[in-house]
């Protein structure tokens, strides 16, 4: 038996909208009257494409911040926007030299009222994440250490992953991405802004979904099993798949998303993150979400005798494949396009396993199958 597991963003769907939404989320946390309200500007929920590009260019320093995150194996847009905002926020607090002994730093609106004229410095984020060759976990711990340098901060854990500041960023991202009408069903919290239409209705496919479906159906005809492991939440995976005609191709138990990862993190007691580059999501799809193999997936252990291929665009996907003994196939259609070839070469990914796009997967598998 051979199983081929696909990432989604950068493989089937463009990541561009996810990155746009991440930038808009950071922008809102910085400038909305509900949050830091830094310069009192009028907050809006409707931007032109040019305005979105300008915001993203500013927030992520011409995408250099995103590229550095990707190089470190960070794959979650929720985490990337949180770290970006957190470093900007800490930098602002340092500019003001606030004594935080009696300040709840998680109440962004209250802190915003204490601030004078401050500058937002995206370069501080780039400098922070570039000063060492961080892995994903090292970035998280370095952020906590950086927060600990604030004057009389009561609890650096306010800046921890899945903490209250992370949660605010997560909610705002979902509100932008899903739109005002869908966000409550996803998060349990009603929309704060009622006019967000939702970027989920404006997805960009890397190649035509009909061609992807034809390719996947062809793999199944040849006897291969196909599945998905993505950092997207389940709703944000199933909706475009349904609209693109791909949902019928996959057994839903072989679609593992950020939603399943978060549920697993709530269940397990291992004490480590299960987001990529941990291979949990790939193993969970491989195991058809079988509870009997939950602990094996949490431990990153491949209990299968099948030959496994992982198709992804990022370093995080490579590490997942390497961890479980899968063959990694790279698509050069992610954030950096062909610029990532050098990185993959350093990881000893053969040239024949780096593809123009996902439609070349069947030929690659035929060459590589044992």
Protein backbone atom coordinates (compact mmCIF):
# COMPACT_ATOMS: atom_id res chain seq x y z
CA UNK A 1 0.00 0.00 0.00
CA UNK A 2 1.12 3.54 -0.77
CA UNK A 3 -0.35 6.66 0.80
CA UNK A 4 0.20 10.18 -0.55
CA UNK A 5 -0.49 12.98 1.91
CA UNK A 6 -0.80 16.58 0.74
CA UNK A 7 -0.36 19.91 2.43
CA UNK A 8 -2.92 22.49 1.21
CA UNK A 9 -1.51 26.02 1.33
CA UNK A 10 1.25 26.41 -1.20
CA UNK A 11 0.26 23.10 -2.82
CA UNK A 12 -3.43 23.30 -3.80
CA UNK A 13 -4.30 26.81 -2.64
CA UNK A 14 -2.23 29.96 -2.66
CA UNK A 15 -1.09 31.21 0.74
CA UNK A 16 -1.46 34.82 -0.33
CA UNK A 17 -4.88 35.39 1.21
CA UNK A 18 -3.79 33.82 4.50
CA UNK A 19 -0.82 36.17 4.66
CA UNK A 20 -3.03 39.14 3.76
CA UNK A 21 -5.40 38.25 6.59
CA UNK A 22 -2.50 37.85 9.03
CA UNK A 23 -1.31 41.35 8.16
CA UNK A 24 -4.81 42.82 8.53
CA UNK A 25 -5.12 41.13 11.92
CA UNK A 26 -1.90 42.68 13.22
CA UNK A 27 -3.00 46.04 11.78
CA UNK A 28 -6.30 45.79 13.66
CA UNK A 29 -4.67 44.91 16.97
CA UNK A 30 -2.37 47.90 16.60
CA UNK A 31 -4.80 50.55 15.38
CA UNK A 32 -8.40 49.59 16.12
CA UNK A 33 -10.15 51.60 18.90
CA UNK A 34 -11.05 48.21 20.41
CA UNK A 35 -7.37 47.40 20.88
CA UNK A 36 -4.19 49.53 21.10
CA UNK A 37 -5.71 52.40 19.04
CA UNK A 38 -2.22 53.78 18.45
CA UNK A 39 -2.88 56.80 16.29
CA UNK A 40 -6.64 57.28 16.57
CA UNK A 41 -7.17 56.53 12.88
CA UNK A 42 -10.63 55.59 11.69
CA UNK A 43 -10.82 51.82 11.61
CA UNK A 44 -12.35 50.24 8.49
CA UNK A 45 -13.16 46.70 7.39
CA UNK A 46 -13.08 47.30 3.64
CA UNK A 47 -9.73 47.76 1.92
CA UNK A 48 -8.71 47.93 -1.71
CA UNK A 49 -6.24 45.35 -3.01
CA UNK A 50 -3.60 48.08 -3.13
CA UNK A 51 -4.23 49.02 0.51
CA UNK A 52 -3.98 45.38 1.59
CA UNK A 53 -0.66 45.03 -0.23
CA UNK A 54 0.66 48.17 1.46
CA UNK A 55 -0.41 46.96 4.92
CA UNK A 56 1.17 43.55 4.37
CA UNK A 57 4.35 45.10 2.98
CA UNK A 58 4.65 47.25 6.10
CA UNK A 59 3.67 44.68 8.73
CA UNK A 60 5.87 41.89 7.40
CA UNK A 61 8.79 44.03 6.14
CA UNK A 62 8.29 43.17 2.46
CA UNK A 63 7.51 39.55 3.44
CA UNK A 64 10.99 39.08 4.91
CA UNK A 65 9.41 38.26 8.28
CA UNK A 66 7.20 35.58 6.71
CA UNK A 67 10.15 34.06 4.85
CA UNK A 68 12.20 33.86 8.04
CA UNK A 69 9.31 32.18 9.87
CA UNK A 70 9.05 29.63 7.07
CA UNK A 71 12.79 28.93 7.19
CA UNK A 72 12.42 28.21 10.92
CA UNK A 73 9.70 25.66 10.21
CA UNK A 74 6.83 27.82 11.48
CA UNK A 75 3.69 26.92 9.55
CA UNK A 76 0.72 28.39 11.42
CA UNK A 77 -0.58 31.80 10.36
CA UNK A 78 -2.07 32.20 13.84
CA UNK A 79 1.38 31.74 15.37
CA UNK A 80 3.16 33.91 12.83
CA UNK A 81 0.82 36.86 13.32
CA UNK A 82 0.94 36.43 17.10
CA UNK A 83 4.73 36.48 17.25
CA UNK A 84 4.81 39.47 14.91
CA UNK A 85 2.33 41.44 16.99
CA UNK A 86 3.85 40.36 20.31
CA UNK A 87 7.32 41.61 19.38
CA UNK A 88 5.90 44.89 18.08
CA UNK A 89 3.87 45.24 21.28
CA UNK A 90 6.85 44.53 23.54
CA UNK A 91 8.90 47.05 21.54
CA UNK A 92 6.18 49.67 22.07
CA UNK A 93 6.06 48.99 25.81
CA UNK A 94 9.84 49.37 25.96
CA UNK A 95 9.62 52.70 24.12
CA UNK A 96 7.24 54.00 26.77
CA UNK A 97 9.27 52.44 29.59
CA UNK A 98 6.03 51.63 31.38
CA UNK A 99 6.11 50.17 34.87
CA UNK A 100 3.89 47.15 34.36
CA UNK A 101 3.56 46.13 38.02
CA UNK A 102 -0.16 46.92 38.11
CA UNK A 103 -0.94 46.66 34.40
CA UNK A 104 -2.85 43.88 32.67
CA UNK A 105 -0.91 43.74 29.41
CA UNK A 106 -3.53 41.42 27.91
CA UNK A 107 -6.07 44.26 28.01
CA UNK A 108 -4.85 45.96 24.86
CA UNK A 109 -7.48 48.69 24.96
CA UNK A 110 -6.53 49.68 28.50
CA UNK A 111 -2.82 49.68 27.68
CA UNK A 112 -3.49 51.73 24.56
CA UNK A 113 -4.97 54.48 26.73
CA UNK A 114 -1.66 54.68 28.63
CA UNK A 115 0.48 55.16 25.54
CA UNK A 116 1.74 58.41 24.15
CA UNK A 117 3.09 58.84 20.64
CA UNK A 118 4.92 55.65 19.79
CA UNK A 119 6.25 54.18 16.58
CA UNK A 120 5.54 50.71 15.22
CA UNK A 121 8.76 49.03 14.16
CA UNK A 122 8.36 45.96 11.91
CA UNK A 123 12.13 45.84 11.57
CA UNK A 124 12.26 44.90 15.27
CA UNK A 125 10.46 41.67 14.37
CA UNK A 126 12.86 40.88 11.56
CA UNK A 127 15.84 41.63 13.78
CA UNK A 128 14.47 39.45 16.58
CA UNK A 129 13.81 36.35 14.47
CA UNK A 130 17.04 36.74 12.46
CA UNK A 131 19.50 37.17 15.29
CA UNK A 132 19.88 33.40 15.70
CA UNK A 133 19.16 30.36 13.58
CA UNK A 134 15.97 29.70 15.52
CA UNK A 135 13.89 26.57 15.26
CA UNK A 136 10.16 26.95 15.80
CA UNK A 137 10.26 25.95 19.48
CA UNK A 138 13.24 28.21 20.10
CA UNK A 139 11.32 31.19 18.72
CA UNK A 140 8.54 30.54 21.24
CA UNK A 141 10.91 30.37 24.20
CA UNK A 142 12.91 33.37 22.99
CA UNK A 143 9.69 35.39 22.84
CA UNK A 144 8.91 34.52 26.45
CA UNK A 145 12.43 35.54 27.47
CA UNK A 146 12.09 38.81 25.58
CA UNK A 147 8.78 39.55 27.32
CA UNK A 148 10.51 38.89 30.63
CA UNK A 149 12.76 41.91 30.04
CA UNK A 150 9.80 44.28 30.37
CA UNK A 151 9.80 46.41 33.52
CA UNK A 152 7.93 44.59 36.33
CA UNK A 153 5.86 42.46 33.97
CA UNK A 154 3.77 40.29 36.28
CA UNK A 155 3.69 37.18 34.14
CA UNK A 156 5.66 36.57 30.92
CA UNK A 157 3.18 33.77 30.20
CA UNK A 158 0.83 36.50 29.00
CA UNK A 159 2.94 36.23 25.84
CA UNK A 160 2.78 32.44 25.61
CA UNK A 161 1.35 30.44 22.74
CA UNK A 162 -2.41 29.96 23.19
CA UNK A 163 -2.35 32.65 25.90
CA UNK A 164 -4.79 35.59 26.04
CA UNK A 165 -2.93 37.74 23.50
CA UNK A 166 -2.62 34.77 21.12
CA UNK A 167 -6.35 34.16 21.56
CA UNK A 168 -7.21 37.73 20.58
CA UNK A 169 -5.13 37.41 17.42
CA UNK A 170 -6.69 34.06 16.64
CA UNK A 171 -10.22 35.46 16.94
CA UNK A 172 -9.47 38.50 14.80
CA UNK A 173 -7.87 36.32 12.12
CA UNK A 174 -10.95 34.09 12.03
CA UNK A 175 -13.22 37.13 11.86
CA UNK A 176 -11.33 38.47 8.86
CA UNK A 177 -10.99 35.11 7.14
CA UNK A 178 -14.42 33.62 7.72
CA UNK A 179 -16.32 36.89 7.82
CA UNK A 180 -18.69 38.35 10.37
CA UNK A 181 -21.48 35.87 9.66
CA UNK A 182 -19.45 32.66 10.14
CA UNK A 183 -17.03 33.54 12.90
CA UNK A 184 -19.31 32.80 15.85
CA UNK A 185 -20.04 29.25 14.63
CA UNK A 186 -16.29 28.67 14.44
CA UNK A 187 -15.10 30.38 17.63
CA UNK A 188 -18.18 30.54 19.86
CA UNK A 189 -17.75 34.30 20.03
CA UNK A 190 -19.94 36.79 18.14
CA UNK A 191 -18.31 39.10 15.61
CA UNK A 192 -17.05 42.42 16.94
CA UNK A 193 -17.06 43.97 13.48
CA UNK A 194 -20.23 43.28 11.51
CA UNK A 195 -19.10 44.25 8.01
CA UNK A 196 -16.32 41.76 7.27
CA UNK A 197 -17.34 39.73 4.19
CA UNK A 198 -14.74 36.96 4.67
CA UNK A 199 -11.65 36.24 2.58
CA UNK A 200 -12.59 32.57 2.45
CA UNK A 201 -14.83 33.46 -0.50
CA UNK A 202 -11.85 34.85 -2.40
CA UNK A 203 -9.45 31.89 -2.38
CA UNK A 204 -6.81 31.58 -5.10
CA UNK A 205 -6.08 28.11 -6.49
CA UNK A 206 -2.50 27.49 -7.62
CA UNK A 207 -3.79 25.43 -10.54
CA UNK A 208 -7.36 24.88 -11.64
CA UNK A 209 -9.20 22.71 -9.08
CA UNK A 210 -10.66 20.57 -11.89
CA UNK A 211 -7.10 19.62 -12.88
CA UNK A 212 -6.20 18.85 -9.27
CA UNK A 213 -9.27 16.64 -8.97
CA UNK A 214 -8.38 14.82 -12.18
CA UNK A 215 -4.85 14.24 -10.86
CA UNK A 216 -6.09 12.92 -7.51
CA UNK A 217 -8.69 10.66 -9.12
CA UNK A 218 -5.93 9.27 -11.33
CA UNK A 219 -3.83 8.42 -8.28
CA UNK A 220 -6.76 6.61 -6.69
CA UNK A 221 -7.42 4.63 -9.88
CA UNK A 222 -3.84 3.38 -9.66
CA UNK A 223 -4.53 2.13 -6.13
CA UNK A 224 -2.91 4.92 -4.14
CA UNK A 225 -4.54 6.30 -1.00
CA UNK A 226 -4.68 10.10 -0.76
CA UNK A 227 -5.09 12.35 2.27
CA UNK A 228 -4.52 15.87 3.56
CA UNK A 229 -2.66 17.40 6.50
CA UNK A 230 -2.97 21.17 6.71
CA UNK A 231 -2.45 24.03 9.12
CA UNK A 232 -5.83 25.42 8.09
CA UNK A 233 -8.81 24.93 10.41
CA UNK A 234 -11.34 22.34 9.25
CA UNK A 235 -14.01 24.76 8.05
CA UNK A 236 -11.45 26.74 6.05
CA UNK A 237 -10.33 23.51 4.41
CA UNK A 238 -13.68 21.89 3.67
CA UNK A 239 -15.42 24.96 2.21
CA UNK A 240 -12.94 25.63 -0.63
CA UNK A 241 -12.57 21.88 -1.20
CA UNK A 242 -16.34 21.60 -1.60
CA UNK A 243 -16.50 24.59 -3.94
CA UNK A 244 -13.57 23.23 -5.96
CA UNK A 245 -15.02 19.72 -6.20
CA UNK A 246 -12.22 18.10 -4.18
CA UNK A 247 -14.16 17.13 -1.08
CA UNK A 248 -15.60 14.01 -2.72
CA UNK A 249 -12.09 12.78 -3.52
CA UNK A 250 -11.01 12.38 0.11
CA UNK A 251 -12.21 10.20 2.95
CA UNK A 252 -12.94 12.89 5.56
CA UNK A 253 -11.04 10.84 8.15
CA UNK A 254 -7.96 11.43 6.02
CA UNK A 255 -8.33 15.21 6.22
CA UNK A 256 -6.45 16.44 9.29
CA UNK A 257 -6.46 20.17 9.99
CA UNK A 258 -5.53 22.72 12.63
CA UNK A 259 -8.86 21.95 14.31
CA UNK A 260 -7.86 18.33 14.92
CA UNK A 261 -4.42 19.44 16.09
CA UNK A 262 -5.91 21.82 18.67
CA UNK A 263 -8.28 19.11 19.90
CA UNK A 264 -5.34 16.72 20.20
CA UNK A 265 -3.30 19.27 22.15
CA UNK A 266 -6.21 19.60 24.57
CA UNK A 267 -6.35 15.80 24.97
CA UNK A 268 -2.72 14.87 25.27
CA UNK A 269 -0.40 15.31 28.21
CA UNK A 270 2.86 15.26 26.27
CA UNK A 271 3.42 18.96 26.88
CA UNK A 272 4.68 19.80 23.38
CA UNK A 273 3.02 21.48 20.41
CA UNK A 274 1.56 19.22 17.73
CA UNK A 275 1.58 21.78 14.94
CA UNK A 276 3.97 21.26 12.07
CA UNK A 277 6.87 20.47 11.98
CA UNK A 278 5.55 17.89 14.46
CA UNK A 279 4.13 15.18 12.15
CA UNK A 280 0.90 14.64 14.13
CA UNK A 281 -1.42 15.91 11.38
CA UNK A 282 0.19 13.69 8.74
CA UNK A 283 0.10 10.66 11.02
CA UNK A 284 -3.49 11.36 12.02
CA UNK A 285 -4.54 11.25 8.36
CA UNK A 286 -2.40 8.15 7.78
CA UNK A 287 -4.09 6.47 10.77
CA UNK A 288 -7.59 7.44 9.53
CA UNK A 289 -7.99 9.30 12.85
CA UNK A 290 -8.07 5.99 14.72
CA UNK A 291 -8.11 6.64 18.48
CA UNK A 292 -6.18 3.43 19.08
CA UNK A 293 -3.21 5.12 17.37
CA UNK A 294 -3.68 8.56 18.95
CA UNK A 295 -0.70 8.26 21.30
CA UNK A 296 1.51 7.07 18.46
CA UNK A 297 0.54 10.14 16.44
CA UNK A 298 1.18 12.40 19.43
CA UNK A 299 4.59 10.79 19.91
CA UNK A 300 5.38 11.23 16.22
CA UNK A 301 5.73 7.47 15.69
CA UNK A 302 4.96 5.87 12.36
CA UNK A 303 3.38 2.46 13.06
CA UNK A 304 2.41 1.85 9.42
CA UNK A 305 4.02 -0.56 6.96
CA UNK A 306 2.87 1.56 4.02
CA UNK A 307 5.14 3.60 1.79
CA UNK A 308 4.29 7.23 2.49
CA UNK A 309 4.80 10.31 0.36
CA UNK A 310 4.36 13.80 1.79
CA UNK A 311 3.74 16.61 -0.70
CA UNK A 312 4.42 20.06 0.70
CA UNK A 313 5.96 23.42 -0.05
CA UNK A 314 7.76 24.19 3.20
CA UNK A 315 10.62 23.23 5.47
CA UNK A 316 8.02 22.23 8.08
CA UNK A 317 6.60 19.62 5.68
CA UNK A 318 10.11 18.30 5.01
CA UNK A 319 10.74 17.86 8.74
CA UNK A 320 7.42 16.00 9.10
CA UNK A 321 8.40 13.62 6.32
CA UNK A 322 11.88 13.12 7.72
CA UNK A 323 10.53 12.35 11.18
CA UNK A 324 8.23 9.54 10.03
CA UNK A 325 10.38 8.08 7.26
CA UNK A 326 8.20 9.37 4.41
CA UNK A 327 9.44 10.42 0.98
CA UNK A 328 9.22 14.19 0.68
CA UNK A 329 8.04 15.78 -2.56
CA UNK A 330 8.35 19.57 -2.73
CA UNK A 331 6.14 21.85 -4.78
CA UNK A 332 7.82 25.14 -5.71
CA UNK A 333 4.57 27.07 -5.42
CA UNK A 334 4.75 28.42 -1.87
CA UNK A 335 5.60 31.86 -0.54
CA UNK A 336 9.14 31.98 -1.95
CA UNK A 337 8.57 30.02 -5.15
CA UNK A 338 11.80 28.74 -6.67
CA UNK A 339 13.85 30.73 -4.15
CA UNK A 340 13.38 27.84 -1.71
CA UNK A 341 15.35 25.44 -3.94
CA UNK A 342 18.62 26.29 -2.18
CA UNK A 343 17.08 25.55 1.21
CA UNK A 344 15.77 22.19 0.03
CA UNK A 345 19.15 21.38 -1.50
CA UNK A 346 20.77 22.04 1.89
CA UNK A 347 18.30 19.53 3.31
CA UNK A 348 19.40 17.01 0.65
CA UNK A 349 16.10 16.97 -1.22
CA UNK A 350 16.94 15.60 -4.69
CA UNK A 351 16.16 17.76 -7.71
CA UNK A 352 13.74 15.14 -9.07
CA UNK A 353 11.63 15.60 -5.90
CA UNK A 354 11.18 19.35 -6.44
CA UNK A 355 8.22 19.93 -8.74
CA UNK A 356 6.88 22.85 -10.76
CA UNK A 357 3.45 22.27 -9.24
CA UNK A 358 1.25 19.57 -7.72
CA UNK A 359 0.13 18.22 -11.08
CA UNK A 360 3.58 16.64 -11.47
CA UNK A 361 3.08 14.43 -8.39
CA UNK A 362 1.91 11.27 -10.23
CA UNK A 363 5.04 11.15 -12.40
CA UNK A 364 7.26 11.78 -9.36
CA UNK A 365 5.60 8.99 -7.38
CA UNK A 366 6.00 6.55 -10.28
CA UNK A 367 9.73 7.35 -10.37
CA UNK A 368 10.20 7.05 -6.62
CA UNK A 369 7.93 4.21 -5.60
CA UNK A 370 9.63 1.09 -4.23
